[in-house]
Protein backbone atom coordinates (compact mmCIF):
# COMPACT_ATOMS: atom_id res chain seq x y z
CA UNK A 1 62.20 -126.77 -46.43
CA UNK A 2 58.63 -127.24 -46.74
CA UNK A 3 57.23 -128.21 -50.27
CA UNK A 4 53.80 -128.11 -49.22
CA UNK A 5 53.11 -124.42 -50.85
CA UNK A 6 49.61 -123.34 -51.33
CA UNK A 7 49.43 -121.38 -54.55
CA UNK A 8 46.26 -119.84 -55.34
CA UNK A 9 46.65 -116.92 -57.99
CA UNK A 10 42.67 -116.19 -57.34
CA UNK A 11 43.02 -115.55 -53.72
CA UNK A 12 46.46 -113.56 -54.21
CA UNK A 13 44.58 -111.15 -56.64
CA UNK A 14 41.79 -110.73 -54.34
CA UNK A 15 44.06 -110.04 -51.64
CA UNK A 16 46.17 -107.72 -54.15
CA UNK A 17 42.96 -105.65 -54.94
CA UNK A 18 42.06 -105.33 -51.29
CA UNK A 19 45.19 -104.07 -50.31
CA UNK A 20 45.27 -101.47 -53.10
CA UNK A 21 41.70 -100.33 -52.27
CA UNK A 22 42.56 -99.77 -48.74
CA UNK A 23 45.76 -98.02 -49.87
CA UNK A 24 43.86 -95.40 -52.20
CA UNK A 25 41.51 -94.19 -49.79
CA UNK A 26 38.66 -92.13 -50.87
CA UNK A 27 39.27 -92.23 -54.57
CA UNK A 28 38.67 -88.83 -55.16
CA UNK A 29 42.32 -88.02 -55.64
CA UNK A 30 42.44 -90.63 -58.40
CA UNK A 31 40.62 -88.97 -60.76
CA UNK A 32 42.03 -85.61 -60.19
CA UNK A 33 45.50 -87.18 -60.39
CA UNK A 34 44.35 -89.02 -63.84
CA UNK A 35 43.35 -85.74 -65.36
CA UNK A 36 46.55 -83.97 -64.25
CA UNK A 37 48.68 -86.80 -65.44
CA UNK A 38 46.58 -86.92 -69.04
CA UNK A 39 46.96 -83.30 -69.21
CA UNK A 40 50.62 -82.93 -68.45
CA UNK A 41 51.99 -86.16 -70.05
CA UNK A 42 49.51 -87.33 -73.06
CA UNK A 43 51.54 -88.74 -75.68
CA UNK A 44 54.68 -89.21 -73.42
CA UNK A 45 56.83 -92.02 -72.10
CA UNK A 46 57.79 -91.63 -68.45
CA UNK A 47 58.39 -93.43 -65.20
CA UNK A 48 55.31 -93.82 -62.84
CA UNK A 49 57.84 -91.63 -60.27
CA UNK A 50 57.01 -88.50 -62.50
CA UNK A 51 53.20 -89.03 -61.90
CA UNK A 52 53.85 -88.85 -58.26
CA UNK A 53 56.27 -85.98 -58.73
CA UNK A 54 53.78 -84.00 -60.63
CA UNK A 55 50.57 -84.51 -58.45
CA UNK A 56 52.65 -83.89 -55.24
CA UNK A 57 53.64 -80.55 -56.95
CA UNK A 58 50.13 -79.88 -57.62
CA UNK A 59 48.68 -80.85 -53.77
CA UNK A 60 46.93 -84.10 -55.20
CA UNK A 61 47.89 -87.57 -53.47
CA UNK A 62 46.76 -90.23 -51.12
CA UNK A 63 46.24 -90.21 -47.58
CA UNK A 64 48.49 -93.73 -47.52
CA UNK A 65 51.70 -93.28 -49.23
CA UNK A 66 51.14 -96.78 -50.44
CA UNK A 67 48.60 -95.21 -52.86
CA UNK A 68 51.00 -94.44 -55.53
CA UNK A 69 51.07 -97.94 -56.89
CA UNK A 70 47.35 -98.83 -56.99
CA UNK A 71 47.13 -95.54 -59.06
CA UNK A 72 49.41 -96.78 -61.49
CA UNK A 73 47.57 -99.97 -61.51
CA UNK A 74 44.29 -98.21 -62.33
CA UNK A 75 45.43 -96.00 -64.70
CA UNK A 76 47.23 -99.18 -66.69
CA UNK A 77 43.67 -101.29 -66.40
CA UNK A 78 41.58 -98.06 -67.67
CA UNK A 79 44.01 -98.02 -70.78
CA UNK A 80 45.13 -94.47 -69.67
CA UNK A 81 49.26 -95.66 -69.67
CA UNK A 82 50.53 -98.34 -71.75
CA UNK A 83 53.44 -100.28 -70.79
CA UNK A 84 56.01 -99.85 -73.30
CA UNK A 85 58.02 -103.11 -72.34
CA UNK A 86 60.91 -100.95 -71.70
CA UNK A 87 62.56 -100.28 -68.41
CA UNK A 88 64.99 -97.54 -67.00
CA UNK A 89 66.50 -96.89 -63.70
CA UNK A 90 64.58 -94.46 -61.30
CA UNK A 91 65.90 -91.08 -60.54
CA UNK A 92 64.15 -90.82 -57.17
CA UNK A 93 67.25 -91.25 -54.72
CA UNK A 94 64.83 -93.03 -52.14
CA UNK A 95 64.51 -95.58 -54.83
CA UNK A 96 68.26 -96.37 -55.41
CA UNK A 97 68.06 -96.30 -58.98
CA UNK A 98 65.75 -99.45 -59.27
CA UNK A 99 64.60 -100.27 -62.87
CA UNK A 100 60.70 -99.62 -63.45
CA UNK A 101 58.68 -99.77 -66.42
CA UNK A 102 58.36 -96.94 -68.79
CA UNK A 103 54.60 -96.05 -69.57
CA UNK A 104 53.49 -94.14 -72.46
CA UNK A 105 50.28 -91.94 -71.39
CA UNK A 106 47.57 -92.43 -74.12
CA UNK A 107 45.19 -90.35 -72.19
């Protein structure tokens, strides 16, 4: 086992941000999704999977299915959603009841 690990937080964050930007696509859907999420969930505490379900129901979403994570990250960075510190099990069968953060939608 090698102990010569190269750890570089800044490089990791740059790679994360580049990947998120690529997955997000043009970004137009981001703004439409953000408005819909705030209008529907303001003041509520929910899992991010509910953001995805609402947006899909209204025909809003990324071209790349990996764009949902960047949406949640962007909403958090903007202060639109706040991590409550609690975790709940996902109800989406594809997530196999994985524990996820509960978000408060601030607006």
